[in-house]
Amino acid sequence: MSTHPRIQQHPSREALHNEIHARPPEAMQWPLAISHVVMLCDANQREASRQHVSELLRNHHLPQPDRQSTHMRMDLGLFRLRWELHTEFVSYTFTRPLSGDDVQTLAQQREPLTAADVVPQEWLARLPGQCLCSLHLWVLPRPQTDSHVLVKRLLHEDTLVGSSIADGQAEVLTDFTIHADGFSRMLLALQGAGSMTQRRLGRLVQQLLEIETYRMAALMGLPAAHEAYNALATAEGQLAELAQSIRVTSRDEEAQLLDRLTTLAGQVESQHAASHARFSASAAYFELVDKRIGDIGESRVAGLQTIGEFMKRRLTPARSTCEWATRRQDALSQRVSRMSNLLRTRVEIEQQQSSQSLLAAMNRRQDLQMKLQSTVEGLSVAAITYYIVGLISHLAKAAHHLGWPLSGELTTALAIPLIAAAVWWSIRKIHLKLEQQPF
């Protein structure tokens, strides 16, 4: 037994470590038929899908998935179920083994055997969400003779696409067409017994299913791009009109223009926020499609386009549309922001100029007030001196009768400059004290 001390673990260490083993490919033994269904789900429908799978397992007396599991594989007798919970969708993969007689009848029946045929139909019809992708995939040995009949029964020859994959050990054929049952179809033909291990076959099948799944998920950004184009065209027209108005507008109309520009900025940012997540997800899905196509290692089959060539030719316009919508949204948002800043700067400069004019007017009024105050102070000195001199005049006259040697008029005349100087000095001292006090 180890004696090493227990190190403090990060709470997410185990989950992060096991992420590398999430959704591993399943070892497969061919021949077999696979039906793959992808349902676009919101949060409630994702949880409903878990309950829906639990119902199927309960009907077959099998253990239920726990509330934390995001994927599950289970053998239900006639078929195997692989259930996977993704960010935006839920995938169901049904695998049905085929016998030698089943392989023979595939080229004879008008409606070929599929894995979905053995799934409870009432349960299948009630899958939560909306179907984004549904695909029938057959993994069969490559016919030695008359392979054209099998391909003709399963696929449309006029839209046939195919290639040699997995270092020439298999060929994949598809027509990228939704058939009458609502499923698209794909045929994986192996060269012969022992040409590929079961685990490698499982990886190859998973890569082919993911190509179709991620292709459809990536294209979900295309309707959003078309909607964004209409909104962008309207917003760009309004922005051009506002830009022209800013050049010729008067000062009184600037506030109204700024309000219109702010409203437009809100509309642009709202539309950008609504579609940005969708465009980002589409870009990620497009990259996954490219990665999966690179993983299968295609080489050309005479007379057919490879899946990679077909995808590049057909998906490039849709991808470019989504990317251009993203760039156009970003550019429009930046233009609105620049114009808003320009108009705000213009309004602020004019406000500063108005403030400066107001301050200059206030300074002029303050100067006038100071001059008026000085005049009033001069009058105040004269008035105070007059009243004090009047009092002294009465005192001097009374003092003269009591023996004061100077007459009352002479005493009053001598007191006038002394009293005026004392009054002026007192008022000046009061002003100095007031100026020294902090505000």
Protein backbone atom coordinates (compact mmCIF):
# COMPACT_ATOMS: atom_id res chain seq x y z
CA MET A 1 0.00 0.00 0.00
CA SER A 2 1.29 3.45 -0.93
CA THR A 3 2.37 5.70 1.95
CA HIS A 4 2.34 8.94 -0.05
CA PRO A 5 0.35 11.75 1.62
CA ARG A 6 -2.99 12.72 0.06
CA ILE A 7 -2.51 15.91 -1.95
CA GLN A 8 -5.28 18.52 -1.98
CA GLN A 9 -7.24 17.96 -5.22
CA HIS A 10 -8.86 20.56 -7.45
CA PRO A 11 -12.65 20.00 -7.29
CA SER A 12 -12.89 19.66 -11.09
CA ARG A 13 -9.77 17.53 -11.59
CA GLU A 14 -11.55 14.21 -12.10
CA ALA A 15 -14.14 15.67 -14.47
CA LEU A 16 -11.44 17.44 -16.49
CA HIS A 17 -9.27 14.33 -16.58
CA ASN A 18 -12.14 12.13 -17.79
CA GLU A 19 -13.12 14.63 -20.51
CA ILE A 20 -10.51 13.02 -22.77
CA HIS A 21 -12.54 9.81 -22.60
CA ALA A 22 -15.92 11.47 -23.22
CA ARG A 23 -18.01 9.97 -26.04
CA PRO A 24 -15.44 7.35 -27.15
CA PRO A 25 -16.13 5.52 -30.42
CA GLU A 26 -17.82 2.16 -30.09
CA ALA A 27 -16.25 -0.99 -31.50
CA MET A 28 -18.45 -2.26 -34.35
CA GLN A 29 -18.75 -5.52 -36.19
CA TRP A 30 -20.15 -5.34 -39.69
CA PRO A 31 -22.39 -5.79 -41.63
CA LEU A 32 -24.82 -3.47 -39.89
CA ALA A 33 -27.39 -0.73 -40.44
CA ILE A 34 -27.22 2.54 -38.51
CA SER A 35 -29.89 5.21 -38.12
CA HIS A 36 -28.68 8.50 -36.72
CA VAL A 37 -31.15 11.19 -35.55
CA VAL A 38 -30.19 14.64 -34.25
CA MET A 39 -32.86 16.69 -32.44
CA LEU A 40 -32.41 20.41 -31.85
CA CYS A 41 -33.43 21.05 -28.22
CA ASP A 42 -33.74 23.84 -25.71
CA ALA A 43 -32.91 23.34 -22.02
CA ASN A 44 -36.30 21.81 -21.16
CA GLN A 45 -36.26 19.51 -24.17
CA ARG A 46 -32.75 18.34 -23.33
CA GLU A 47 -33.96 17.17 -19.94
CA ALA A 48 -37.07 15.70 -21.58
CA SER A 49 -34.81 13.64 -23.86
CA ARG A 50 -33.25 12.05 -20.78
CA GLN A 51 -36.70 11.12 -19.51
CA HIS A 52 -37.62 9.83 -22.97
CA VAL A 53 -34.61 7.51 -23.04
CA SER A 54 -35.43 6.39 -19.50
CA GLU A 55 -38.90 5.43 -20.69
CA LEU A 56 -37.46 3.24 -23.46
CA LEU A 57 -35.02 1.55 -21.10
CA ARG A 58 -37.71 1.05 -18.49
CA ASN A 59 -39.89 -0.70 -21.07
CA HIS A 60 -36.99 -3.08 -21.75
CA HIS A 61 -36.28 -3.59 -18.02
CA LEU A 62 -32.86 -1.95 -18.28
CA PRO A 63 -31.08 0.42 -15.84
CA GLN A 64 -31.88 4.14 -16.09
CA PRO A 65 -29.31 6.85 -16.90
CA ASP A 66 -28.36 9.11 -13.99
CA ARG A 67 -29.04 12.86 -14.01
CA GLN A 68 -25.36 13.76 -14.57
CA SER A 69 -24.67 11.52 -17.57
CA THR A 70 -24.36 13.21 -20.97
CA HIS A 71 -23.97 10.07 -23.06
CA MET A 72 -25.01 6.44 -22.81
CA ARG A 73 -24.75 3.18 -24.77
CA MET A 74 -27.14 0.32 -24.24
CA ASP A 75 -27.97 -2.99 -25.93
CA LEU A 76 -31.74 -3.40 -26.35
CA GLY A 77 -31.71 -6.76 -28.12
CA LEU A 78 -32.79 -5.97 -31.67
CA PHE A 79 -30.68 -2.83 -31.73
CA ARG A 80 -28.11 -0.84 -29.76
CA LEU A 81 -28.78 2.73 -28.65
CA ARG A 82 -26.21 5.48 -28.31
CA TRP A 83 -27.60 8.64 -26.72
CA GLU A 84 -25.52 11.83 -26.53
CA LEU A 85 -26.40 15.17 -24.97
CA HIS A 86 -24.68 18.11 -26.72
CA THR A 87 -24.81 21.86 -26.14
CA GLU A 88 -27.54 22.61 -28.68
CA PHE A 89 -28.84 19.22 -29.70
CA VAL A 90 -29.36 15.62 -28.66
CA SER A 91 -28.27 12.73 -30.88
CA TYR A 92 -29.67 9.22 -31.02
CA THR A 93 -27.76 6.51 -32.87
CA PHE A 94 -29.46 3.14 -33.44
CA THR A 95 -27.33 0.23 -34.62
CA ARG A 96 -28.81 -2.97 -36.05
CA PRO A 97 -26.69 -5.98 -36.98
CA LEU A 98 -27.41 -7.48 -40.40
CA SER A 99 -27.25 -11.10 -41.41
CA GLY A 100 -26.01 -12.45 -44.73
CA ASP A 101 -29.60 -12.76 -45.96
CA ASP A 102 -30.27 -9.14 -44.97
CA VAL A 103 -27.34 -7.99 -47.07
CA GLN A 104 -28.67 -9.96 -50.05
CA THR A 105 -32.15 -8.42 -49.75
CA LEU A 106 -30.81 -4.86 -49.55
CA ALA A 107 -30.28 -4.83 -53.32
CA GLN A 108 -33.70 -6.36 -53.96
CA GLN A 109 -36.16 -4.46 -51.78
CA ARG A 110 -37.49 -1.08 -52.84
CA GLU A 111 -37.33 0.15 -49.23
CA PRO A 112 -34.09 -1.14 -47.70
CA LEU A 113 -33.73 -2.48 -44.17
CA THR A 114 -32.81 0.24 -41.66
CA ALA A 115 -32.01 0.34 -37.97
CA ALA A 116 -34.95 2.66 -37.39
CA ASP A 117 -37.31 -0.13 -38.50
CA VAL A 118 -36.70 -2.11 -35.29
CA VAL A 119 -36.99 0.90 -32.96
CA PRO A 120 -40.45 1.32 -31.33
CA GLN A 121 -42.11 3.64 -33.82
CA GLU A 122 -44.44 5.37 -31.37
CA TRP A 123 -41.46 6.14 -29.10
CA LEU A 124 -39.37 7.31 -32.08
CA ALA A 125 -42.11 9.70 -33.23
CA ARG A 126 -42.16 11.40 -29.81
CA LEU A 127 -38.48 12.38 -29.66
CA PRO A 128 -38.30 15.79 -27.90
CA GLY A 129 -37.20 18.75 -29.99
CA GLN A 130 -37.03 19.37 -33.73
CA CYS A 131 -35.19 17.11 -36.15
CA LEU A 132 -32.05 18.76 -37.49
CA CYS A 133 -30.47 15.72 -39.10
CA SER A 134 -31.47 12.12 -39.79
CA LEU A 135 -29.25 9.65 -41.62
CA HIS A 136 -29.29 5.98 -42.56
CA LEU A 137 -25.80 4.48 -42.82
CA TRP A 138 -25.12 0.95 -44.01
CA VAL A 139 -21.77 -0.72 -43.32
CA LEU A 140 -21.48 -3.57 -45.81
CA PRO A 141 -18.82 -5.65 -47.52
CA ARG A 142 -17.96 -4.32 -50.93
CA PRO A 143 -19.87 -6.43 -53.50
CA GLN A 144 -17.60 -8.39 -55.80
CA THR A 145 -20.09 -8.13 -58.65
CA ASP A 146 -23.12 -6.04 -59.53
CA SER A 147 -22.35 -3.34 -56.96
CA HIS A 148 -24.13 -0.86 -59.23
CA VAL A 149 -27.51 -2.40 -58.37
CA LEU A 150 -27.01 -1.91 -54.62
CA VAL A 151 -25.91 1.72 -55.07
CA LYS A 152 -28.85 2.39 -57.38
CA ARG A 153 -31.30 0.98 -54.82
CA LEU A 154 -29.94 3.01 -51.96
CA LEU A 155 -28.78 6.29 -53.52
CA HIS A 156 -29.56 8.70 -56.35
CA GLU A 157 -26.93 8.32 -59.01
CA ASP A 158 -27.30 11.84 -60.42
CA THR A 159 -26.10 13.41 -57.13
CA LEU A 160 -23.72 10.65 -56.10
CA VAL A 161 -20.59 11.66 -54.16
CA GLY A 162 -17.96 9.25 -52.91
CA SER A 163 -14.34 8.51 -52.19
CA SER A 164 -11.91 5.90 -50.99
CA ILE A 165 -11.11 6.37 -47.29
CA ALA A 166 -9.09 4.86 -44.46
CA ASP A 167 -6.01 4.19 -46.60
CA GLY A 168 -8.10 2.48 -49.27
CA GLN A 169 -9.68 -0.02 -46.91
CA ALA A 170 -13.21 1.31 -47.53
CA GLU A 171 -15.33 3.41 -49.84
CA VAL A 172 -18.04 5.84 -48.75
CA LEU A 173 -20.90 6.88 -51.02
CA THR A 174 -23.73 9.33 -50.41
CA ASP A 175 -26.09 11.52 -52.41
CA PHE A 176 -26.74 14.31 -49.83
CA THR A 177 -30.47 13.92 -50.50
CA ILE A 178 -33.40 13.65 -48.10
CA HIS A 179 -35.35 10.59 -49.21
CA ALA A 180 -39.07 9.88 -48.89
CA ASP A 181 -38.76 8.66 -45.28
CA GLY A 182 -37.12 11.95 -44.20
CA PHE A 183 -33.64 10.42 -43.86
CA SER A 184 -30.53 11.03 -45.93
CA ARG A 185 -28.42 7.98 -46.82
CA MET A 186 -24.81 6.89 -46.81
CA LEU A 187 -23.11 3.63 -47.76
CA LEU A 188 -19.80 2.50 -46.27
CA ALA A 189 -18.38 -0.44 -48.25
CA LEU A 190 -15.42 -2.32 -46.74
CA GLN A 191 -12.89 -4.12 -48.87
CA GLY A 192 -13.21 -7.50 -47.15
CA ALA A 193 -13.13 -9.45 -43.90
CA GLY A 194 -10.30 -8.41 -41.60
CA SER A 195 -9.54 -5.27 -43.59
CA MET A 196 -10.35 -3.04 -40.62
CA THR A 197 -10.45 -3.57 -36.86
CA GLN A 198 -13.75 -3.14 -35.03
CA ARG A 199 -12.52 -0.14 -33.06
CA ARG A 200 -11.20 1.62 -36.15
CA LEU A 201 -14.50 0.94 -37.89
CA GLY A 202 -16.29 2.52 -34.92
CA ARG A 203 -14.11 5.65 -35.21
CA LEU A 204 -14.73 5.84 -38.94
CA VAL A 205 -18.50 5.51 -38.53
CA GLN A 206 -18.50 8.19 -35.82
CA GLN A 207 -16.53 10.55 -38.06
CA LEU A 208 -18.98 10.06 -40.94
CA LEU A 209 -21.97 10.68 -38.68
CA GLU A 210 -20.35 13.79 -37.26
CA ILE A 211 -19.67 15.16 -40.75
CA GLU A 212 -23.40 15.12 -41.48
CA THR A 213 -24.35 16.37 -38.00
CA TYR A 214 -21.92 19.27 -37.91
CA ARG A 215 -22.70 20.18 -41.52
CA MET A 216 -26.34 20.76 -40.61
CA ALA A 217 -25.45 22.50 -37.35
CA ALA A 218 -23.08 24.84 -39.19
CA LEU A 219 -25.77 25.78 -41.71
CA MET A 220 -28.07 26.97 -38.92
CA GLY A 221 -26.24 30.29 -39.14
CA LEU A 222 -27.39 30.84 -42.74
CA PRO A 223 -31.03 31.89 -41.98
CA ALA A 224 -29.71 34.19 -39.25
CA ALA A 225 -27.29 35.71 -41.78
CA HIS A 226 -30.13 36.36 -44.25
CA GLU A 227 -32.18 38.04 -41.52
CA ALA A 228 -29.17 40.06 -40.45
CA TYR A 229 -28.60 41.28 -44.02
CA ASN A 230 -32.06 42.91 -44.12
CA ALA A 231 -31.56 44.56 -40.74
CA LEU A 232 -28.03 45.67 -41.67
CA ALA A 233 -29.20 47.24 -44.93
CA THR A 234 -31.84 49.27 -43.07
CA ALA A 235 -29.40 50.33 -40.34
CA GLU A 236 -26.71 51.32 -42.84
CA GLY A 237 -29.23 53.49 -44.73
CA GLN A 238 -30.24 55.22 -41.49
CA LEU A 239 -26.61 55.72 -40.54
CA ALA A 240 -25.80 57.31 -43.92
CA GLU A 241 -28.78 59.66 -43.50
CA LEU A 242 -27.63 60.64 -40.01
CA ALA A 243 -24.08 61.21 -41.23
CA GLN A 244 -25.37 63.62 -43.87
CA SER A 245 -27.57 65.38 -41.30
CA ILE A 246 -24.65 65.87 -38.94
CA ARG A 247 -22.78 67.83 -41.62
CA VAL A 248 -25.56 70.40 -42.14
CA THR A 249 -27.39 70.40 -38.82
CA SER A 250 -27.66 73.47 -36.63
CA ARG A 251 -26.74 73.61 -32.96
CA ASP A 252 -30.38 73.45 -31.89
CA GLU A 253 -30.92 70.11 -33.72
CA GLU A 254 -27.85 68.30 -32.37
CA ALA A 255 -29.61 66.91 -29.30
CA GLN A 256 -32.30 65.39 -31.50
CA LEU A 257 -29.69 63.86 -33.82
CA LEU A 258 -27.82 62.42 -30.86
CA ASP A 259 -31.04 60.83 -29.61
CA ARG A 260 -31.69 59.25 -33.05
CA LEU A 261 -28.12 58.01 -33.25
CA THR A 262 -28.33 56.49 -29.76
CA THR A 263 -31.54 54.69 -30.73
CA LEU A 264 -29.86 53.31 -33.86
CA ALA A 265 -26.85 52.18 -31.83
CA GLY A 266 -29.18 50.29 -29.49
CA GLN A 267 -30.87 48.55 -32.43
CA VAL A 268 -27.54 47.57 -33.99
CA GLU A 269 -26.13 46.21 -30.74
CA SER A 270 -29.34 44.31 -30.00
CA GLN A 271 -29.31 42.62 -33.41
CA HIS A 272 -25.58 41.94 -33.08
CA ALA A 273 -26.04 40.31 -29.67
CA ALA A 274 -28.93 38.19 -30.96
CA SER A 275 -26.95 36.68 -33.85
CA HIS A 276 -23.32 36.77 -32.66
CA ALA A 277 -23.60 33.52 -30.69
CA ARG A 278 -25.18 31.77 -33.69
CA PHE A 279 -22.44 32.93 -36.08
CA SER A 280 -19.71 31.94 -33.63
CA ALA A 281 -21.24 28.48 -33.24
CA SER A 282 -21.53 28.08 -37.03
CA ALA A 283 -17.87 29.00 -37.48
CA ALA A 284 -16.91 26.34 -34.91
CA TYR A 285 -19.10 23.72 -36.60
CA PHE A 286 -17.62 24.52 -40.03
CA GLU A 287 -14.15 23.92 -38.58
CA LEU A 288 -15.31 20.57 -37.15
CA VAL A 289 -16.62 19.52 -40.56
CA ASP A 290 -13.24 20.32 -42.11
CA LYS A 291 -11.49 18.40 -39.33
CA ARG A 292 -13.66 15.29 -39.69
CA ILE A 293 -13.26 15.25 -43.47
CA GLY A 294 -9.51 15.44 -43.02
CA ASP A 295 -9.64 12.60 -40.47
CA ILE A 296 -11.24 10.06 -42.83
CA GLY A 297 -8.35 10.41 -45.30
CA GLU A 298 -10.15 10.68 -48.63
CA SER A 299 -8.72 9.74 -52.00
CA ARG A 300 -10.49 10.07 -55.32
CA VAL A 301 -12.67 7.40 -56.91
CA ALA A 302 -12.85 7.66 -60.69
CA GLY A 303 -15.86 9.63 -61.88
CA LEU A 304 -16.96 10.92 -58.46
CA GLN A 305 -16.47 14.04 -56.42
CA THR A 306 -14.98 13.45 -52.99
CA ILE A 307 -16.95 14.53 -49.95
CA GLY A 308 -14.32 17.18 -49.22
CA GLU A 309 -14.60 18.64 -52.73
CA PHE A 310 -18.38 18.62 -52.56
CA MET A 311 -18.40 20.30 -49.16
CA LYS A 312 -15.88 22.91 -50.22
CA ARG A 313 -17.88 23.77 -53.31
CA ARG A 314 -21.34 23.78 -51.70
CA LEU A 315 -20.58 25.00 -48.18
CA THR A 316 -18.18 27.81 -49.07
CA PRO A 317 -20.95 30.25 -50.12
CA ALA A 318 -22.90 29.59 -46.90
CA ARG A 319 -19.76 29.91 -44.79
CA SER A 320 -18.77 33.13 -46.56
CA THR A 321 -22.28 34.52 -46.04
CA CYS A 322 -22.09 33.92 -42.29
CA GLU A 323 -18.55 35.31 -42.05
CA TRP A 324 -19.44 38.37 -44.12
CA ALA A 325 -22.52 39.02 -41.96
CA THR A 326 -20.30 38.89 -38.87
CA ARG A 327 -17.75 41.30 -40.35
CA ARG A 328 -20.51 43.61 -41.59
CA GLN A 329 -22.11 43.69 -38.13
CA ASP A 330 -18.78 44.49 -36.50
CA ALA A 331 -18.03 47.22 -39.03
CA LEU A 332 -21.47 48.79 -38.63
CA SER A 333 -21.18 48.71 -34.85
CA GLN A 334 -17.80 50.46 -35.04
CA ARG A 335 -19.13 53.10 -37.47
CA VAL A 336 -22.09 53.86 -35.23
CA SER A 337 -19.76 54.10 -32.25
CA ARG A 338 -17.38 56.46 -34.08
CA MET A 339 -20.22 58.69 -35.26
CA SER A 340 -21.76 58.76 -31.79
CA ASN A 341 -18.41 59.78 -30.31
CA LEU A 342 -17.98 62.44 -32.99
CA LEU A 343 -21.41 63.95 -32.36
CA ARG A 344 -20.97 63.79 -28.58
CA THR A 345 -17.58 65.50 -28.90
CA ARG A 346 -19.14 68.22 -31.02
CA VAL A 347 -21.95 68.75 -28.50
CA GLU A 348 -19.47 68.77 -25.61
CA ILE A 349 -17.25 71.36 -27.34
CA GLU A 350 -20.23 73.59 -27.95
CA GLN A 351 -21.31 73.14 -24.35
CA GLN A 352 -17.82 74.07 -23.20
CA GLN A 353 -17.91 77.17 -25.40
CA SER A 354 -21.30 78.10 -23.95
CA SER A 355 -19.93 77.52 -20.47
CA GLN A 356 -16.94 79.74 -21.22
CA SER A 357 -19.22 82.49 -22.49
CA LEU A 358 -21.36 82.15 -19.39
CA LEU A 359 -18.30 82.31 -17.15
CA ALA A 360 -17.05 85.40 -19.01
CA ALA A 361 -20.43 87.07 -18.54
CA MET A 362 -20.39 86.12 -14.88
CA ASN A 363 -16.90 87.61 -14.53
CA ARG A 364 -18.07 90.85 -16.13
CA ARG A 365 -21.06 90.99 -13.81
CA GLN A 366 -18.79 90.31 -10.86
CA ASP A 367 -16.48 93.16 -11.89
CA LEU A 368 -19.45 95.49 -12.14
CA GLN A 369 -20.66 94.26 -8.80
CA MET A 370 -17.22 94.94 -7.25
CA LYS A 371 -17.17 98.44 -8.70
CA LEU A 372 -20.67 99.07 -7.46
CA GLN A 373 -19.72 97.68 -4.08
CA SER A 374 -16.70 100.01 -3.94
CA THR A 375 -18.95 102.94 -4.77
CA VAL A 376 -21.42 101.89 -2.11
CA GLU A 377 -18.58 101.51 0.40
CA GLY A 378 -17.42 105.06 -0.36
CA LEU A 379 -20.92 106.34 0.21
CA SER A 380 -21.11 104.27 3.37
CA VAL A 381 -17.92 105.89 4.72
CA ALA A 382 -19.36 109.33 3.98
CA ALA A 383 -22.70 108.50 5.56
CA ILE A 384 -21.19 107.01 8.71
CA THR A 385 -18.79 109.94 9.01
CA TYR A 386 -21.70 112.37 8.61
CA TYR A 387 -23.71 110.79 11.41
CA ILE A 388 -20.70 110.56 13.76
CA VAL A 389 -19.68 114.16 13.02
CA GLY A 390 -23.25 115.22 13.83
CA LEU A 391 -23.00 113.62 17.23
CA ILE A 392 -19.59 115.20 17.87
CA SER A 393 -20.98 118.61 16.85
CA HIS A 394 -23.61 118.42 19.59
CA LEU A 395 -21.02 117.29 22.12
CA ALA A 396 -18.57 120.06 21.09
CA LYS A 397 -21.21 122.79 21.48
CA ALA A 398 -22.12 121.54 24.91
CA ALA A 399 -18.46 121.23 25.86
CA HIS A 400 -17.79 124.87 24.71
CA HIS A 401 -20.42 126.19 27.14
CA LEU A 402 -18.79 124.11 29.87
CA GLY A 403 -15.36 125.63 29.24
CA TRP A 404 -13.91 123.85 26.20
CA PRO A 405 -11.61 126.40 24.60
CA LEU A 406 -12.54 125.70 20.98
CA SER A 407 -15.82 126.56 19.43
CA GLY A 408 -18.21 123.78 18.43
CA GLU A 409 -17.76 124.49 14.69
CA LEU A 410 -13.94 124.37 14.91
CA THR A 411 -14.02 121.19 16.94
CA THR A 412 -16.37 119.57 14.42
CA ALA A 413 -14.18 120.65 11.47
CA LEU A 414 -11.06 119.20 13.10
CA ALA A 415 -12.85 115.89 13.86
CA ILE A 416 -14.14 115.27 10.31
CA PRO A 417 -10.86 113.91 8.72
CA LEU A 418 -10.04 111.88 11.80
CA ILE A 419 -13.48 110.27 11.89
CA ALA A 420 -13.48 109.60 8.11
CA ALA A 421 -10.07 107.91 8.32
CA ALA A 422 -11.14 105.78 11.27
CA VAL A 423 -14.37 104.67 9.51
CA TRP A 424 -12.49 103.80 6.29
CA TRP A 425 -9.84 101.85 8.21
CA SER A 426 -12.49 99.87 10.12
CA ILE A 427 -14.37 98.87 6.94
CA ARG A 428 -11.11 97.94 5.23
CA LYS A 429 -10.13 95.73 8.17
CA ILE A 430 -13.49 93.93 8.00
CA HIS A 431 -12.97 93.23 4.25
CA LEU A 432 -9.49 91.80 4.86
CA LYS A 433 -10.83 89.43 7.51
CA LEU A 434 -13.58 88.21 5.17
CA GLU A 435 -11.09 87.61 2.30
CA GLN A 436 -8.84 85.54 4.59
CA GLN A 437 -11.64 83.21 5.67
CA PRO A 438 -11.78 79.89 3.67
CA PHE A 439 -14.92 79.07 1.69
